[in-house]
Amino acid sequence: MKKSSSNHARTFETMKQLDVPQSRNGKHRKIVSTILDDLDGLAPGSALKVPLEALHDTKENVRAALSRESKKQKIDIATAADAKFLYVWKTEQKRQFK
């Protein structure tokens, strides 16, 4: 195995590791953030009715991104969809018995 030479001309730009962004800004970030923000103030027993055309991607991809972020934030949600809308609501928090 060759040792890396400091005289090697790099193909890509370099930067300090400290300056590397640590958060992921995926392409679904805006719609997922908007949905979760709207869910925050939603009355129990209510659901959000999100037009599929507002998703700018397939409902499956947005639903997966929404699931990942809601789990990360420890928000229990459920979803359903029809031909025109994605429905999202909070579910009851699961109680853990000791």
PDB file of N, CA and C in Angstrom:
ATOM      1  N   MET A   1       0.841  -1.167   0.000  1.00  0.00           N
ATOM      2  CA  MET A   1       0.000   0.000   0.000  1.00  0.00           C
ATOM      3  C   MET A   1       0.890   1.236   0.000  1.00  0.00           C
ATOM      4  N   LYS A   2       0.609   2.182  -0.879  1.00  0.00           N
ATOM      5  CA  LYS A   2       1.391   3.407  -0.981  1.00  0.00           C
ATOM      6  C   LYS A   2       1.020   4.393   0.107  1.00  0.00           C
ATOM      7  N   LYS A   3       1.999   5.121   0.564  1.00  0.00           N
ATOM      8  CA  LYS A   3       1.735   6.202   1.507  1.00  0.00           C
ATOM      9  C   LYS A   3       1.264   7.414   0.731  1.00  0.00           C
ATOM     10  N   SER A   4       0.378   8.178   1.344  1.00  0.00           N
ATOM     11  CA  SER A   4      -0.129   9.384   0.715  1.00  0.00           C
ATOM     12  C   SER A   4       0.980  10.432   0.663  1.00  0.00           C
ATOM     13  N   SER A   5       1.141  11.012  -0.470  1.00  0.00           N
ATOM     14  CA  SER A   5       2.175  12.034  -0.639  1.00  0.00           C
ATOM     15  C   SER A   5       1.558  13.419  -0.547  1.00  0.00           C
ATOM     16  N   SER A   6       2.205  14.308   0.171  1.00  0.00           N
ATOM     17  CA  SER A   6       1.673  15.669   0.307  1.00  0.00           C
ATOM     18  C   SER A   6       1.824  16.448  -0.982  1.00  0.00           C
ATOM     19  N   ASN A   7       2.610  15.943  -1.935  1.00  0.00           N
ATOM     20  CA  ASN A   7       2.805  16.615  -3.220  1.00  0.00           C
ATOM     21  C   ASN A   7       1.734  16.233  -4.235  1.00  0.00           C
ATOM     22  N   HIS A   8       0.891  15.319  -3.863  1.00  0.00           N
ATOM     23  CA  HIS A   8      -0.165  14.832  -4.762  1.00  0.00           C
ATOM     24  C   HIS A   8      -1.156  15.967  -5.076  1.00  0.00           C
ATOM     25  N   ALA A   9      -1.462  16.166  -6.322  1.00  0.00           N
ATOM     26  CA  ALA A   9      -2.444  17.176  -6.728  1.00  0.00           C
ATOM     27  C   ALA A   9      -3.834  16.609  -6.479  1.00  0.00           C
ATOM     28  N   ARG A  10      -4.582  17.257  -5.636  1.00  0.00           N
ATOM     29  CA  ARG A  10      -5.916  16.771  -5.282  1.00  0.00           C
ATOM     30  C   ARG A  10      -6.934  17.104  -6.376  1.00  0.00           C
ATOM     31  N   THR A  11      -7.837  16.187  -6.544  1.00  0.00           N
ATOM     32  CA  THR A  11      -8.905  16.375  -7.513  1.00  0.00           C
ATOM     33  C   THR A  11     -10.010  17.255  -6.942  1.00  0.00           C
ATOM     34  N   PHE A  12     -10.265  17.102  -5.627  1.00  0.00           N
ATOM     35  CA  PHE A  12     -11.359  17.803  -4.978  1.00  0.00           C
ATOM     36  C   PHE A  12     -10.844  18.831  -3.982  1.00  0.00           C
ATOM     37  N   GLU A  13     -11.663  19.791  -3.720  1.00  0.00           N
ATOM     38  CA  GLU A  13     -11.343  20.832  -2.748  1.00  0.00           C
ATOM     39  C   GLU A  13     -11.302  20.220  -1.341  1.00  0.00           C
ATOM     40  N   THR A  14     -10.504  20.796  -0.473  1.00  0.00           N
ATOM     41  CA  THR A  14     -10.440  20.315   0.906  1.00  0.00           C
ATOM     42  C   THR A  14     -10.943  21.395   1.852  1.00  0.00           C
ATOM     43  N   MET A  15     -11.302  20.954   3.062  1.00  0.00           N
ATOM     44  CA  MET A  15     -11.755  21.882   4.101  1.00  0.00           C
ATOM     45  C   MET A  15     -11.492  21.261   5.457  1.00  0.00           C
ATOM     46  N   LYS A  16     -11.582  22.066   6.492  1.00  0.00           N
ATOM     47  CA  LYS A  16     -11.405  21.552   7.839  1.00  0.00           C
ATOM     48  C   LYS A  16     -12.601  20.692   8.211  1.00  0.00           C
ATOM     49  N   GLN A  17     -12.353  19.588   8.880  1.00  0.00           N
ATOM     50  CA  GLN A  17     -13.431  18.682   9.266  1.00  0.00           C
ATOM     51  C   GLN A  17     -14.419  19.383  10.190  1.00  0.00           C
ATOM     52  N   LEU A  18     -13.929  20.296  11.004  1.00  0.00           N
ATOM     53  CA  LEU A  18     -14.767  21.053  11.919  1.00  0.00           C
ATOM     54  C   LEU A  18     -15.854  21.843  11.171  1.00  0.00           C
ATOM     55  N   ASP A  19     -15.564  22.241   9.932  1.00  0.00           N
ATOM     56  CA  ASP A  19     -16.497  23.042   9.139  1.00  0.00           C
ATOM     57  C   ASP A  19     -17.493  22.210   8.338  1.00  0.00           C
ATOM     58  N   VAL A  20     -17.384  20.888   8.397  1.00  0.00           N
ATOM     59  CA  VAL A  20     -18.295  20.009   7.652  1.00  0.00           C
ATOM     60  C   VAL A  20     -19.665  20.044   8.322  1.00  0.00           C
ATOM     61  N   PRO A  21     -20.742  20.302   7.555  1.00  0.00           N
ATOM     62  CA  PRO A  21     -22.090  20.313   8.139  1.00  0.00           C
ATOM     63  C   PRO A  21     -22.437  18.950   8.731  1.00  0.00           C
ATOM     64  N   GLN A  22     -23.043  18.955   9.901  1.00  0.00           N
ATOM     65  CA  GLN A  22     -23.362  17.702  10.582  1.00  0.00           C
ATOM     66  C   GLN A  22     -24.820  17.295  10.454  1.00  0.00           C
ATOM     67  N   SER A  23     -25.670  18.183  10.011  1.00  0.00           N
ATOM     68  CA  SER A  23     -27.081  17.811   9.876  1.00  0.00           C
ATOM     69  C   SER A  23     -27.386  17.512   8.416  1.00  0.00           C
ATOM     70  N   ARG A  24     -28.381  16.697   8.219  1.00  0.00           N
ATOM     71  CA  ARG A  24     -28.777  16.312   6.876  1.00  0.00           C
ATOM     72  C   ARG A  24     -29.990  17.123   6.465  1.00  0.00           C
ATOM     73  N   ASN A  25     -29.893  17.789   5.349  1.00  0.00           N
ATOM     74  CA  ASN A  25     -31.022  18.537   4.812  1.00  0.00           C
ATOM     75  C   ASN A  25     -31.522  17.816   3.574  1.00  0.00           C
ATOM     76  N   GLY A  26     -32.317  16.784   3.782  1.00  0.00           N
ATOM     77  CA  GLY A  26     -32.829  16.000   2.674  1.00  0.00           C
ATOM     78  C   GLY A  26     -33.841  16.774   1.851  1.00  0.00           C
ATOM     79  N   LYS A  27     -34.189  16.232   0.702  1.00  0.00           N
ATOM     80  CA  LYS A  27     -35.089  16.940  -0.201  1.00  0.00           C
ATOM     81  C   LYS A  27     -36.524  17.013   0.335  1.00  0.00           C
ATOM     82  N   HIS A  28     -36.851  16.203   1.349  1.00  0.00           N
ATOM     83  CA  HIS A  28     -38.198  16.224   1.923  1.00  0.00           C
ATOM     84  C   HIS A  28     -38.278  17.074   3.178  1.00  0.00           C
ATOM     85  N   ARG A  29     -37.181  17.704   3.544  1.00  0.00           N
ATOM     86  CA  ARG A  29     -37.112  18.421   4.818  1.00  0.00           C
ATOM     87  C   ARG A  29     -38.225  19.460   4.981  1.00  0.00           C
ATOM     88  N   LYS A  30     -38.473  20.250   3.947  1.00  0.00           N
ATOM     89  CA  LYS A  30     -39.461  21.330   4.057  1.00  0.00           C
ATOM     90  C   LYS A  30     -40.871  20.783   4.294  1.00  0.00           C
ATOM     91  N   ILE A  31     -41.311  19.833   3.481  1.00  0.00           N
ATOM     92  CA  ILE A  31     -42.673  19.317   3.629  1.00  0.00           C
ATOM     93  C   ILE A  31     -42.823  18.539   4.931  1.00  0.00           C
ATOM     94  N   VAL A  32     -41.797  17.776   5.325  1.00  0.00           N
ATOM     95  CA  VAL A  32     -41.861  17.008   6.573  1.00  0.00           C
ATOM     96  C   VAL A  32     -41.913  17.963   7.769  1.00  0.00           C
ATOM     97  N   SER A  33     -41.087  18.999   7.754  1.00  0.00           N
ATOM     98  CA  SER A  33     -41.090  19.991   8.839  1.00  0.00           C
ATOM     99  C   SER A  33     -42.432  20.699   8.932  1.00  0.00           C
ATOM    100  N   THR A  34     -42.991  21.044   7.790  1.00  0.00           N
ATOM    101  CA  THR A  34     -44.287  21.724   7.760  1.00  0.00           C
ATOM    102  C   THR A  34     -45.383  20.831   8.333  1.00  0.00           C
ATOM    103  N   ILE A  35     -45.398  19.572   7.941  1.00  0.00           N
ATOM    104  CA  ILE A  35     -46.407  18.636   8.445  1.00  0.00           C
ATOM    105  C   ILE A  35     -46.263  18.451   9.952  1.00  0.00           C
ATOM    106  N   LEU A  36     -45.032  18.241  10.419  1.00  0.00           N
ATOM    107  CA  LEU A  36     -44.827  18.031  11.857  1.00  0.00           C
ATOM    108  C   LEU A  36     -45.148  19.292  12.658  1.00  0.00           C
ATOM    109  N   ASP A  37     -44.858  20.463  12.115  1.00  0.00           N
ATOM    110  CA  ASP A  37     -45.227  21.717  12.788  1.00  0.00           C
ATOM    111  C   ASP A  37     -46.740  21.847  12.895  1.00  0.00           C
ATOM    112  N   ASP A  38     -47.453  21.510  11.813  1.00  0.00           N
ATOM    113  CA  ASP A  38     -48.916  21.577  11.833  1.00  0.00           C
ATOM    114  C   ASP A  38     -49.502  20.546  12.797  1.00  0.00           C
ATOM    115  N   LEU A  39     -48.873  19.380  12.887  1.00  0.00           N
ATOM    116  CA  LEU A  39     -49.347  18.343  13.812  1.00  0.00           C
ATOM    117  C   LEU A  39     -49.222  18.777  15.261  1.00  0.00           C
ATOM    118  N   ASP A  40     -48.213  19.599  15.543  1.00  0.00           N
ATOM    119  CA  ASP A  40     -47.942  20.021  16.913  1.00  0.00           C
ATOM    120  C   ASP A  40     -49.154  20.696  17.555  1.00  0.00           C
ATOM    121  N   GLY A  41     -49.879  21.509  16.821  1.00  0.00           N
ATOM    122  CA  GLY A  41     -51.026  22.206  17.384  1.00  0.00           C
ATOM    123  C   GLY A  41     -52.362  21.569  17.055  1.00  0.00           C
ATOM    124  N   LEU A  42     -52.340  20.376  16.536  1.00  0.00           N
ATOM    125  CA  LEU A  42     -53.572  19.706  16.100  1.00  0.00           C
ATOM    126  C   LEU A  42     -54.353  19.152  17.288  1.00  0.00           C
ATOM    127  N   ALA A  43     -55.637  19.384  17.276  1.00  0.00           N
ATOM    128  CA  ALA A  43     -56.510  18.890  18.343  1.00  0.00           C
ATOM    129  C   ALA A  43     -56.606  17.362  18.283  1.00  0.00           C
ATOM    130  N   PRO A  44     -56.715  16.712  19.447  1.00  0.00           N
ATOM    131  CA  PRO A  44     -56.882  15.249  19.454  1.00  0.00           C
ATOM    132  C   PRO A  44     -58.105  14.841  18.633  1.00  0.00           C
ATOM    133  N   GLY A  45     -57.961  13.773  17.880  1.00  0.00           N
ATOM    134  CA  GLY A  45     -59.054  13.288  17.046  1.00  0.00           C
ATOM    135  C   GLY A  45     -59.112  13.957  15.684  1.00  0.00           C
ATOM    136  N   SER A  46     -58.167  14.856  15.388  1.00  0.00           N
ATOM    137  CA  SER A  46     -58.114  15.536  14.094  1.00  0.00           C
ATOM    138  C   SER A  46     -56.955  15.001  13.273  1.00  0.00           C
ATOM    139  N   ALA A  47     -57.060  15.180  11.956  1.00  0.00           N
ATOM    140  CA  ALA A  47     -56.001  14.746  11.046  1.00  0.00           C
ATOM    141  C   ALA A  47     -55.698  15.858  10.052  1.00  0.00           C
ATOM    142  N   LEU A  48     -54.457  15.915   9.608  1.00  0.00           N
ATOM    143  CA  LEU A  48     -54.084  16.839   8.542  1.00  0.00           C
ATOM    144  C   LEU A  48     -54.461  16.212   7.210  1.00  0.00           C
ATOM    145  N   LYS A  49     -54.919  17.032   6.292  1.00  0.00           N
ATOM    146  CA  LYS A  49     -55.295  16.591   4.958  1.00  0.00           C
ATOM    147  C   LYS A  49     -54.365  17.310   3.982  1.00  0.00           C
ATOM    148  N   VAL A  50     -53.302  16.631   3.571  1.00  0.00           N
ATOM    149  CA  VAL A  50     -52.255  17.238   2.747  1.00  0.00           C
ATOM    150  C   VAL A  50     -52.465  16.833   1.286  1.00  0.00           C
ATOM    151  N   PRO A  51     -52.669  17.812   0.391  1.00  0.00           N
ATOM    152  CA  PRO A  51     -52.821  17.467  -1.033  1.00  0.00           C
ATOM    153  C   PRO A  51     -51.555  16.795  -1.560  1.00  0.00           C
ATOM    154  N   LEU A  52     -51.696  15.710  -2.305  1.00  0.00           N
ATOM    155  CA  LEU A  52     -50.543  15.001  -2.844  1.00  0.00           C
ATOM    156  C   LEU A  52     -49.710  15.899  -3.755  1.00  0.00           C
ATOM    157  N   GLU A  53     -50.351  16.826  -4.438  1.00  0.00           N
ATOM    158  CA  GLU A  53     -49.599  17.720  -5.328  1.00  0.00           C
ATOM    159  C   GLU A  53     -48.677  18.663  -4.544  1.00  0.00           C
ATOM    160  N   ALA A  54     -48.910  18.834  -3.255  1.00  0.00           N
ATOM    161  CA  ALA A  54     -48.044  19.677  -2.426  1.00  0.00           C
ATOM    162  C   ALA A  54     -46.781  18.934  -1.994  1.00  0.00           C
ATOM    163  N   LEU A  55     -46.731  17.621  -2.206  1.00  0.00           N
ATOM    164  CA  LEU A  55     -45.607  16.820  -1.739  1.00  0.00           C
ATOM    165  C   LEU A  55     -44.371  16.934  -2.624  1.00  0.00           C
ATOM    166  N   HIS A  56     -44.533  17.197  -3.901  1.00  0.00           N
ATOM    167  CA  HIS A  56     -43.432  17.320  -4.863  1.00  0.00           C
ATOM    168  C   HIS A  56     -42.586  16.051  -4.959  1.00  0.00           C
ATOM    169  N   ASP A  57     -43.141  14.927  -4.575  1.00  0.00           N
ATOM    170  CA  ASP A  57     -42.505  13.615  -4.698  1.00  0.00           C
ATOM    171  C   ASP A  57     -43.614  12.591  -4.493  1.00  0.00           C
ATOM    172  N   THR A  58     -43.284  11.324  -4.544  1.00  0.00           N
ATOM    173  CA  THR A  58     -44.314  10.303  -4.341  1.00  0.00           C
ATOM    174  C   THR A  58     -44.741  10.285  -2.876  1.00  0.00           C
ATOM    175  N   LYS A  59     -45.971   9.886  -2.653  1.00  0.00           N
ATOM    176  CA  LYS A  59     -46.457   9.815  -1.273  1.00  0.00           C
ATOM    177  C   LYS A  59     -45.663   8.793  -0.467  1.00  0.00           C
ATOM    178  N   GLU A  60     -45.173   7.734  -1.130  1.00  0.00           N
ATOM    179  CA  GLU A  60     -44.384   6.719  -0.437  1.00  0.00           C
ATOM    180  C   GLU A  60     -43.067   7.299   0.093  1.00  0.00           C
ATOM    181  N   ASN A  61     -42.406   8.114  -0.722  1.00  0.00           N
ATOM    182  CA  ASN A  61     -41.133   8.704  -0.300  1.00  0.00           C
ATOM    183  C   ASN A  61     -41.328   9.719   0.825  1.00  0.00           C
ATOM    184  N   VAL A  62     -42.362  10.536   0.710  1.00  0.00           N
ATOM    185  CA  VAL A  62     -42.641  11.531   1.750  1.00  0.00           C
ATOM    186  C   VAL A  62     -43.085  10.824   3.034  1.00  0.00           C
ATOM    187  N   ARG A  63     -43.894   9.805   2.887  1.00  0.00           N
ATOM    188  CA  ARG A  63     -44.356   9.034   4.050  1.00  0.00           C
ATOM    189  C   ARG A  63     -43.170   8.401   4.777  1.00  0.00           C
ATOM    190  N   ALA A  64     -42.213   7.877   4.044  1.00  0.00           N
ATOM    191  CA  ALA A  64     -41.016   7.275   4.651  1.00  0.00           C
ATOM    192  C   ALA A  64     -40.185   8.336   5.375  1.00  0.00           C
ATOM    193  N   ALA A  65     -39.999   9.487   4.745  1.00  0.00           N
ATOM    194  CA  ALA A  65     -39.238  10.578   5.374  1.00  0.00           C
ATOM    195  C   ALA A  65     -39.958  11.079   6.621  1.00  0.00           C
ATOM    196  N   LEU A  66     -41.269  11.171   6.546  1.00  0.00           N
ATOM    197  CA  LEU A  66     -42.079  11.604   7.686  1.00  0.00           C
ATOM    198  C   LEU A  66     -41.970  10.594   8.830  1.00  0.00           C
ATOM    199  N   SER A  67     -41.973   9.332   8.508  1.00  0.00           N
ATOM    200  CA  SER A  67     -41.835   8.287   9.519  1.00  0.00           C
ATOM    201  C   SER A  67     -40.477   8.361  10.212  1.00  0.00           C
ATOM    202  N   ARG A  68     -39.416   8.523   9.424  1.00  0.00           N
ATOM    203  CA  ARG A  68     -38.070   8.623  10.010  1.00  0.00           C
ATOM    204  C   ARG A  68     -37.957   9.809  10.955  1.00  0.00           C
ATOM    205  N   GLU A  69     -38.438  10.972  10.516  1.00  0.00           N
ATOM    206  CA  GLU A  69     -38.303  12.184  11.334  1.00  0.00           C
ATOM    207  C   GLU A  69     -39.207  12.144  12.556  1.00  0.00           C
ATOM    208  N   SER A  70     -40.412  11.607  12.421  1.00  0.00           N
ATOM    209  CA  SER A  70     -41.304  11.537  13.581  1.00  0.00           C
ATOM    210  C   SER A  70     -40.747  10.581  14.637  1.00  0.00           C
ATOM    211  N   LYS A  71     -40.129   9.491  14.209  1.00  0.00           N
ATOM    212  CA  LYS A  71     -39.499   8.571  15.164  1.00  0.00           C
ATOM    213  C   LYS A  71     -38.313   9.235  15.850  1.00  0.00           C
ATOM    214  N   LYS A  72     -37.560   9.994  15.076  1.00  0.00           N
ATOM    215  CA  LYS A  72     -36.405  10.713  15.626  1.00  0.00           C
ATOM    216  C   LYS A  72     -36.850  11.701  16.697  1.00  0.00           C
ATOM    217  N   GLN A  73     -37.989  12.370  16.459  1.00  0.00           N
ATOM    218  CA  GLN A  73     -38.522  13.351  17.409  1.00  0.00           C
ATOM    219  C   GLN A  73     -39.447  12.722  18.454  1.00  0.00           C
ATOM    220  N   LYS A  74     -39.597  11.394  18.395  1.00  0.00           N
ATOM    221  CA  LYS A  74     -40.450  10.642  19.328  1.00  0.00           C
ATOM    222  C   LYS A  74     -41.900  11.120  19.306  1.00  0.00           C
ATOM    223  N   ILE A  75     -42.423  11.301  18.088  1.00  0.00           N
ATOM    224  CA  ILE A  75     -43.817  11.677  17.867  1.00  0.00           C
ATOM    225  C   ILE A  75     -44.499  10.471  17.230  1.00  0.00           C
ATOM    226  N   ASP A  76     -45.533   9.956  17.882  1.00  0.00           N
ATOM    227  CA  ASP A  76     -46.268   8.814  17.341  1.00  0.00           C
ATOM    228  C   ASP A  76     -47.310   9.317  16.354  1.00  0.00           C
ATOM    229  N   ILE A  77     -47.183   8.894  15.085  1.00  0.00           N
ATOM    230  CA  ILE A  77     -48.120   9.324  14.051  1.00  0.00           C
ATOM    231  C   ILE A  77     -48.648   8.119  13.292  1.00  0.00           C
ATOM    232  N   ALA A  78     -49.714   8.377  12.559  1.00  0.00           N
ATOM    233  CA  ALA A  78     -50.267   7.399  11.623  1.00  0.00           C
ATOM    234  C   ALA A  78     -50.572   8.148  10.342  1.00  0.00           C
ATOM    235  N   THR A  79     -50.589   7.425   9.237  1.00  0.00           N
ATOM    236  CA  THR A  79     -50.892   8.045   7.946  1.00  0.00           C
ATOM    237  C   THR A  79     -51.858   7.169   7.164  1.00  0.00           C
ATOM    238  N   ALA A  80     -52.548   7.806   6.262  1.00  0.00           N
ATOM    239  CA  ALA A  80     -53.402   7.117   5.297  1.00  0.00           C
ATOM    240  C   ALA A  80     -53.380   7.979   4.042  1.00  0.00           C
ATOM    241  N   ALA A  81     -53.794   7.422   2.933  1.00  0.00           N
ATOM    242  CA  ALA A  81     -53.794   8.184   1.683  1.00  0.00           C
ATOM    243  C   ALA A  81     -54.890   7.675   0.773  1.00  0.00           C
ATOM    244  N   ASP A  82     -55.354   8.574  -0.073  1.00  0.00           N
ATOM    245  CA  ASP A  82     -56.244   8.187  -1.158  1.00  0.00           C
ATOM    246  C   ASP A  82     -55.656   8.766  -2.435  1.00  0.00           C
ATOM    247  N   ALA A  83     -56.436   8.888  -3.473  1.00  0.00           N
ATOM    248  CA  ALA A  83     -55.921   9.341  -4.762  1.00  0.00           C
ATOM    249  C   ALA A  83     -55.489  10.809  -4.761  1.00  0.00           C
ATOM    250  N   LYS A  84     -55.992  11.613  -3.820  1.00  0.00           N
ATOM    251  CA  LYS A  84     -55.696  13.047  -3.842  1.00  0.00           C
ATOM    252  C   LYS A  84     -55.005  13.585  -2.608  1.00  0.00           C
ATOM    253  N   PHE A  85     -55.071  12.877  -1.478  1.00  0.00           N
ATOM    254  CA  PHE A  85     -54.570  13.423  -0.222  1.00  0.00           C
ATOM    255  C   PHE A  85     -53.758  12.412   0.589  1.00  0.00           C
ATOM    256  N   LEU A  86     -52.843  12.955   1.385  1.00  0.00           N
ATOM    257  CA  LEU A  86     -52.142  12.199   2.421  1.00  0.00           C
ATOM    258  C   LEU A  86     -52.704  12.705   3.738  1.00  0.00           C
ATOM    259  N   TYR A  87     -53.181  11.800   4.575  1.00  0.00           N
ATOM    260  CA  TYR A  87     -53.747  12.157   5.870  1.00  0.00           C
ATOM    261  C   TYR A  87     -52.746  11.765   6.952  1.00  0.00           C
ATOM    262  N   VAL A  88     -52.525  12.679   7.887  1.00  0.00           N
ATOM    263  CA  VAL A  88     -51.555  12.434   8.955  1.00  0.00           C
ATOM    264  C   VAL A  88     -52.178  12.865  10.275  1.00  0.00           C
ATOM    265  N   TRP A  89     -52.032  12.012  11.307  1.00  0.00           N
ATOM    266  CA  TRP A  89     -52.541  12.364  12.625  1.00  0.00           C
ATOM    267  C   TRP A  89     -51.648  11.758  13.696  1.00  0.00           C
ATOM    268  N   LYS A  90     -51.762  12.338  14.892  1.00  0.00           N
ATOM    269  CA  LYS A  90     -51.026  11.802  16.035  1.00  0.00           C
ATOM    270  C   LYS A  90     -51.797  10.617  16.594  1.00  0.00           C
ATOM    271  N   THR A  91     -51.063   9.606  17.024  1.00  0.00           N
ATOM    272  CA  THR A  91     -51.691   8.478  17.677  1.00  0.00           C
ATOM    273  C   THR A  91     -51.424   8.605  19.182  1.00  0.00           C
ATOM    274  N   GLU A  92     -52.152   7.846  19.958  1.00  0.00           N
ATOM    275  CA  GLU A  92     -51.931   7.886  21.409  1.00  0.00           C
ATOM    276  C   GLU A  92     -50.561   7.332  21.707  1.00  0.00           C
ATOM    277  N   GLN A  93     -49.904   7.956  22.666  1.00  0.00           N
ATOM    278  CA  GLN A  93     -48.586   7.485  23.079  1.00  0.00           C
ATOM    279  C   GLN A  93     -48.748   6.123  23.717  1.00  0.00           C
ATOM    280  N   LYS A  94     -47.843   5.227  23.394  1.00  0.00           N
ATOM    281  CA  LYS A  94     -47.874   3.881  23.946  1.00  0.00           C
ATOM    282  C   LYS A  94     -47.389   3.924  25.377  1.00  0.00           C
ATOM    283  N   ARG A  95     -48.135   3.342  26.244  1.00  0.00           N
ATOM    284  CA  ARG A  95     -47.734   3.279  27.659  1.00  0.00           C
ATOM    285  C   ARG A  95     -46.886   2.034  27.882  1.00  0.00           C
ATOM    286  N   GLN A  96     -45.843   2.206  28.635  1.00  0.00           N
ATOM    287  CA  GLN A  96     -45.014   1.067  28.976  1.00  0.00           C
ATOM    288  C   GLN A  96     -45.277   0.691  30.419  1.00  0.00           C
ATOM    289  N   PHE A  97     -45.689  -0.537  30.615  1.00  0.00           N
ATOM    290  CA  PHE A  97     -45.991  -1.027  31.961  1.00  0.00           C
ATOM    291  C   PHE A  97     -44.740  -1.637  32.568  1.00  0.00           C
ATOM    292  N   LYS A  98     -44.580  -1.435  33.857  1.00  0.00           N
ATOM    293  CA  LYS A  98     -43.424  -2.001  34.553  1.00  0.00           C
ATOM    294  C   LYS A  98     -43.789  -3.292  35.221  1.00  0.00           C
TER     295      LYS A  98
END
